[in-house]
Protein backbone atom coordinates (compact mmCIF):
# COMPACT_ATOMS: atom_id res chain seq x y z
CA MET A 1 13.39 15.99 20.30
CA ARG A 2 12.84 18.30 17.34
CA LEU A 3 13.18 16.79 13.87
CA ILE A 4 14.88 19.21 11.50
CA PRO A 5 15.16 18.22 7.83
CA ALA A 6 18.01 19.84 5.92
CA ILE A 7 18.08 21.57 2.56
CA ASP A 8 21.56 22.35 1.25
CA ILE A 9 21.72 24.86 -1.60
CA ILE A 10 24.15 25.14 -4.50
CA GLU A 11 23.20 27.42 -7.41
CA GLY A 12 19.65 27.60 -6.06
CA LYS A 13 19.18 23.81 -6.17
CA CYS A 14 18.63 21.28 -3.40
CA VAL A 15 21.76 19.12 -3.16
CA ARG A 16 23.63 16.81 -0.78
CA LEU A 17 27.36 16.30 -0.33
CA SER A 18 29.33 13.51 1.35
CA LYS A 19 31.74 14.58 4.11
CA GLY A 20 31.36 18.18 2.92
CA ASP A 21 33.15 17.40 -0.36
CA TYR A 22 31.78 19.65 -3.12
CA GLY A 23 32.99 17.10 -5.68
CA THR A 24 30.37 14.63 -4.40
CA LYS A 25 27.45 16.98 -5.13
CA LYS A 26 24.18 15.26 -6.00
CA VAL A 27 21.19 17.34 -7.06
CA TYR A 28 17.90 16.07 -5.57
CA ASN A 29 15.54 18.81 -6.64
CA GLU A 30 15.77 21.96 -8.75
CA ASN A 31 13.18 23.66 -6.54
CA PRO A 32 13.97 23.92 -2.80
CA LEU A 33 10.59 25.56 -2.10
CA GLU A 34 8.84 22.45 -3.40
CA VAL A 35 10.91 20.31 -1.00
CA ALA A 36 10.18 22.65 1.94
CA LYS A 37 6.43 22.54 1.23
CA GLN A 38 6.57 18.76 1.14
CA PHE A 39 8.22 18.73 4.59
CA GLU A 40 5.59 21.12 5.95
CA SER A 41 2.73 19.01 4.59
CA HIS A 42 3.95 16.15 6.83
CA GLY A 43 3.83 18.22 10.01
CA ILE A 44 7.47 19.31 9.97
CA GLN A 45 7.89 22.67 11.71
CA HIS A 46 11.63 23.29 11.44
CA LEU A 47 14.14 23.51 8.59
CA HIS A 48 17.95 23.64 8.47
CA LEU A 49 18.84 25.62 5.34
CA VAL A 50 22.51 25.74 4.32
CA ASP A 51 23.95 28.11 1.74
CA LEU A 52 26.85 26.01 0.43
CA ASP A 53 27.72 28.66 -2.15
CA GLY A 54 27.91 31.12 0.73
CA ALA A 55 30.13 28.82 2.77
CA LYS A 56 32.57 28.63 -0.13
CA SER A 57 32.50 32.33 -1.06
CA LYS A 58 32.47 33.57 2.58
CA HIS A 59 29.38 35.74 2.27
CA ILE A 60 25.64 35.12 1.97
CA VAL A 61 24.64 34.05 -1.56
CA ASN A 62 21.31 32.17 -1.61
CA HIS A 63 19.21 34.56 0.48
CA LYS A 64 16.51 34.61 -2.25
CA VAL A 65 15.93 30.88 -1.63
CA LEU A 66 15.60 31.63 2.09
CA GLU A 67 13.17 34.45 1.37
CA SER A 68 11.10 32.25 -0.94
CA ILE A 69 10.74 29.44 1.64
CA ALA A 70 10.19 31.78 4.60
CA SER A 71 7.48 33.79 2.82
CA ARG A 72 5.60 30.77 1.42
CA THR A 73 5.73 28.31 4.33
CA ASN A 74 5.41 28.57 8.12
CA LEU A 75 8.65 26.68 8.72
CA LYS A 76 11.00 28.03 11.38
CA ILE A 77 14.25 28.26 9.45
CA ASP A 78 17.75 28.00 10.82
CA PHE A 79 20.04 29.47 8.13
CA GLY A 80 23.78 29.04 7.83
CA GLY A 81 26.65 29.10 5.36
CA GLY A 82 28.95 32.03 4.69
CA LEU A 83 27.63 34.39 7.35
CA LYS A 84 30.68 36.53 8.07
CA SER A 85 29.53 40.12 8.57
CA ASP A 86 26.84 42.11 10.35
CA GLU A 87 25.41 42.83 6.88
CA ASP A 88 25.18 39.09 6.08
CA LEU A 89 23.28 38.57 9.32
CA LYS A 90 20.93 41.47 8.62
CA ILE A 91 20.15 40.03 5.16
CA ALA A 92 19.51 36.56 6.64
CA PHE A 93 17.06 37.81 9.28
CA GLU A 94 15.35 40.22 6.87
CA SER A 95 14.96 37.32 4.42
CA GLY A 96 13.03 35.36 7.05
CA ALA A 97 15.50 33.28 9.08
CA SER A 98 14.27 32.45 12.60
CA GLN A 99 17.78 31.55 13.69
CA ILE A 100 21.23 31.65 12.13
CA THR A 101 24.16 29.28 12.57
CA GLY A 102 27.68 30.63 12.84
CA GLY A 103 30.51 28.14 12.46
CA SER A 104 33.72 29.49 10.93
CA ILE A 105 32.99 32.97 12.27
CA ALA A 106 32.95 31.61 15.84
CA VAL A 107 36.52 30.40 15.28
CA LYS A 108 37.97 33.11 13.07
CA GLY A 109 35.89 36.13 14.10
CA ARG A 110 35.10 35.53 17.74
CA ASP A 111 34.38 39.18 18.57
CA THR A 112 31.92 39.49 15.66
CA PHE A 113 30.14 36.29 16.70
CA LEU A 114 29.92 37.39 20.34
CA GLY A 115 28.54 40.73 19.11
CA TRP A 116 25.77 38.86 17.28
CA LEU A 117 25.00 36.86 20.42
CA GLN A 118 24.74 40.08 22.43
CA THR A 119 22.64 41.89 19.81
CA TYR A 120 20.19 39.12 18.88
CA GLY A 121 20.24 36.89 21.98
CA PRO A 122 20.84 33.15 22.48
CA GLU A 123 17.48 32.09 21.01
CA LYS A 124 18.49 33.49 17.60
CA ILE A 125 22.16 32.52 17.37
CA ILE A 126 23.30 28.89 17.04
CA LEU A 127 26.91 27.79 17.41
CA GLY A 128 27.96 25.55 14.53
CA ALA A 129 30.52 23.21 16.08
CA ASP A 130 31.41 20.89 13.22
CA ALA A 131 34.31 18.57 13.80
CA ASN A 132 36.73 16.10 12.30
CA ASN A 133 38.63 13.95 14.81
CA GLU A 134 37.15 16.20 17.55
CA LYS A 135 38.85 19.28 16.03
CA VAL A 136 36.58 22.13 14.89
CA ALA A 137 36.36 22.45 11.09
CA VAL A 138 35.84 25.75 9.27
CA SER A 139 35.33 27.29 5.81
CA GLY A 140 32.63 24.89 4.67
CA TRP A 141 34.69 22.05 6.21
CA LEU A 142 37.53 22.76 3.81
CA GLU A 143 39.86 23.53 6.74
CA GLU A 144 40.51 21.96 10.14
CA SER A 145 41.33 24.35 12.98
CA GLU A 146 43.40 23.60 16.07
CA GLN A 147 40.37 24.14 18.31
CA GLU A 148 39.36 21.10 20.38
CA LEU A 149 35.61 20.49 20.02
CA VAL A 150 34.48 20.04 23.64
CA PRO A 151 36.42 23.01 25.13
CA PHE A 152 35.21 25.12 22.18
CA ILE A 153 31.58 24.37 23.08
CA GLN A 154 32.25 24.84 26.82
CA HIS A 155 33.77 28.27 26.14
CA TYR A 156 30.77 29.48 24.16
CA GLN A 157 28.37 28.12 26.76
CA GLN A 158 30.10 30.37 29.28
CA GLU A 159 29.51 33.26 26.86
CA GLY A 160 25.77 32.51 26.82
CA ILE A 161 25.22 30.14 23.87
CA HIS A 162 22.23 27.80 24.28
CA TYR A 163 21.99 26.08 20.89
CA VAL A 164 24.81 24.05 19.33
CA ILE A 165 24.67 22.09 16.07
CA CYS A 166 27.41 19.47 15.99
CA THR A 167 28.24 17.53 12.84
CA ASP A 168 30.84 14.80 12.81
CA ILE A 169 32.15 15.39 9.28
CA SER A 170 33.40 11.82 8.93
CA LYS A 171 29.76 10.69 9.24
CA ASP A 172 28.07 13.37 7.14
CA GLY A 173 26.20 12.05 4.11
CA MET A 174 27.61 8.55 4.62
CA LEU A 175 24.37 6.94 5.92
CA GLN A 176 26.36 4.93 8.46
CA GLY A 177 24.77 6.19 11.66
CA PRO A 178 25.43 9.27 13.83
CA SER A 179 28.18 9.81 16.43
CA PHE A 180 26.29 8.70 19.53
CA ASP A 181 29.48 8.53 21.64
CA LEU A 182 30.55 12.04 20.62
CA TYR A 183 27.16 13.53 21.51
CA GLN A 184 27.15 11.72 24.86
CA LYS A 185 30.63 13.07 25.57
CA ILE A 186 29.61 16.66 24.70
CA LEU A 187 26.48 16.51 26.87
CA SER A 188 28.27 14.89 29.83
CA ARG A 189 30.98 17.59 29.81
CA SER A 190 28.78 20.61 29.15
CA ALA A 191 26.92 22.81 31.58
CA ALA A 192 23.23 22.11 32.15
CA GLY A 193 20.85 23.56 29.61
CA LEU A 194 22.84 22.90 26.45
CA LYS A 195 20.49 22.39 23.49
CA LEU A 196 22.55 20.03 21.37
CA ILE A 197 21.39 19.36 17.82
CA ALA A 198 22.86 16.22 16.27
CA SER A 199 23.77 16.28 12.60
CA GLY A 200 25.41 13.88 10.19
CA GLY A 201 25.16 10.18 9.47
CA ILE A 202 21.47 9.59 10.29
CA SER A 203 20.58 6.49 8.29
CA THR A 204 17.54 4.82 9.87
CA PHE A 205 14.47 5.91 11.79
CA GLY A 206 15.53 3.74 14.77
CA GLU A 207 18.49 6.05 15.45
CA LEU A 208 16.21 8.97 16.30
CA PRO A 209 14.82 7.65 19.65
CA LYS A 210 18.40 6.81 20.69
CA LEU A 211 19.52 10.41 20.05
CA ALA A 212 16.52 11.63 22.07
CA GLU A 213 17.45 9.26 24.89
CA ILE A 214 21.03 10.59 24.98
CA GLY A 215 19.56 14.07 25.47
CA CYS A 216 19.86 15.72 22.05
CA GLU A 217 17.39 18.62 21.75
CA GLY A 218 17.09 18.17 17.99
CA THR A 219 18.45 16.23 15.08
CA ILE A 220 19.10 17.30 11.51
CA ILE A 221 18.19 14.74 8.86
CA GLY A 222 19.40 15.09 5.28
CA LYS A 223 20.41 12.35 2.90
CA ALA A 224 18.39 9.67 4.72
CA ILE A 225 15.23 11.49 3.62
CA TYR A 226 16.41 12.11 0.05
CA GLU A 227 17.56 8.51 -0.39
CA ASN A 228 14.27 7.20 1.07
CA ARG A 229 15.92 5.55 4.08
CA ILE A 230 13.53 7.48 6.33
CA SER A 231 10.07 8.41 5.06
CA LEU A 232 8.29 11.67 5.76
CA LYS A 233 5.37 9.54 6.99
CA GLN A 234 7.63 8.12 9.73
CA LEU A 235 8.70 11.61 10.75
CA GLU A 236 5.08 12.76 10.74
CA ARG A 237 4.12 9.89 13.05
CA TYR A 238 7.02 10.66 15.41
CA ILE A 239 5.99 14.32 15.61
CA LEU A 240 2.36 13.48 16.36
CA GLU A 241 3.24 10.79 18.92
CA ASN A 242 5.59 13.14 20.74
CA GLY A 243 3.13 16.01 20.90
CA GLN A 244 5.05 18.36 18.64
CA GLY A 245 2.02 19.74 16.88
CA THR A 246 -0.56 18.62 14.39
CA ARG A 247 -0.35 18.16 10.69
CA ALA A 248 -0.44 21.44 8.75
């Protein structure tokens, strides 16, 4: 299972929210590049970079942060937040994203999202299926749609999606453990080959092997790192023990 630390950006700074609430913003570092380099120095190979300003304003905002990290580290970056147009996508990939995540656009602009999938292929496009009470949430989690989570994922699998990031919003940033049951349900009801990336609520290192056992392809870890619940040394050891590369 891939370990994917998260950096969420507001006004160019590394922050974390609780349950997607912008009013709970806590700044952890003024320099996201510094944080990314620290991850890389512990053998981390992947990064989940979220443009929270972009999610709120509905267009890409913090692409300079993406460009800075992509050009000065070897991290494979999945970038999301506010990607709504072909131009947004072009900027994200030109700024160094390896993959992009589309969440709201997959609900509100289905044809655009499917166009991206066709143009760039399923290795580049990730479905962001974030949910509250198993209903898909959109607009930086500020709105809940009427879309049921599992059928939503099943539909996009039929359209060719391989990668899905699923965050249970009620767990996000709460350090109370991830939604094991929800991930099991998604994997049991999805077609073979789904690469499910768990996100939200990770609070201890011991939860990671359990997510791997369920069948998650990756897991995104945010606040647990910043609040020192999980150390980068522990992640480094996990990566080495599971043959995911050597220390940079």
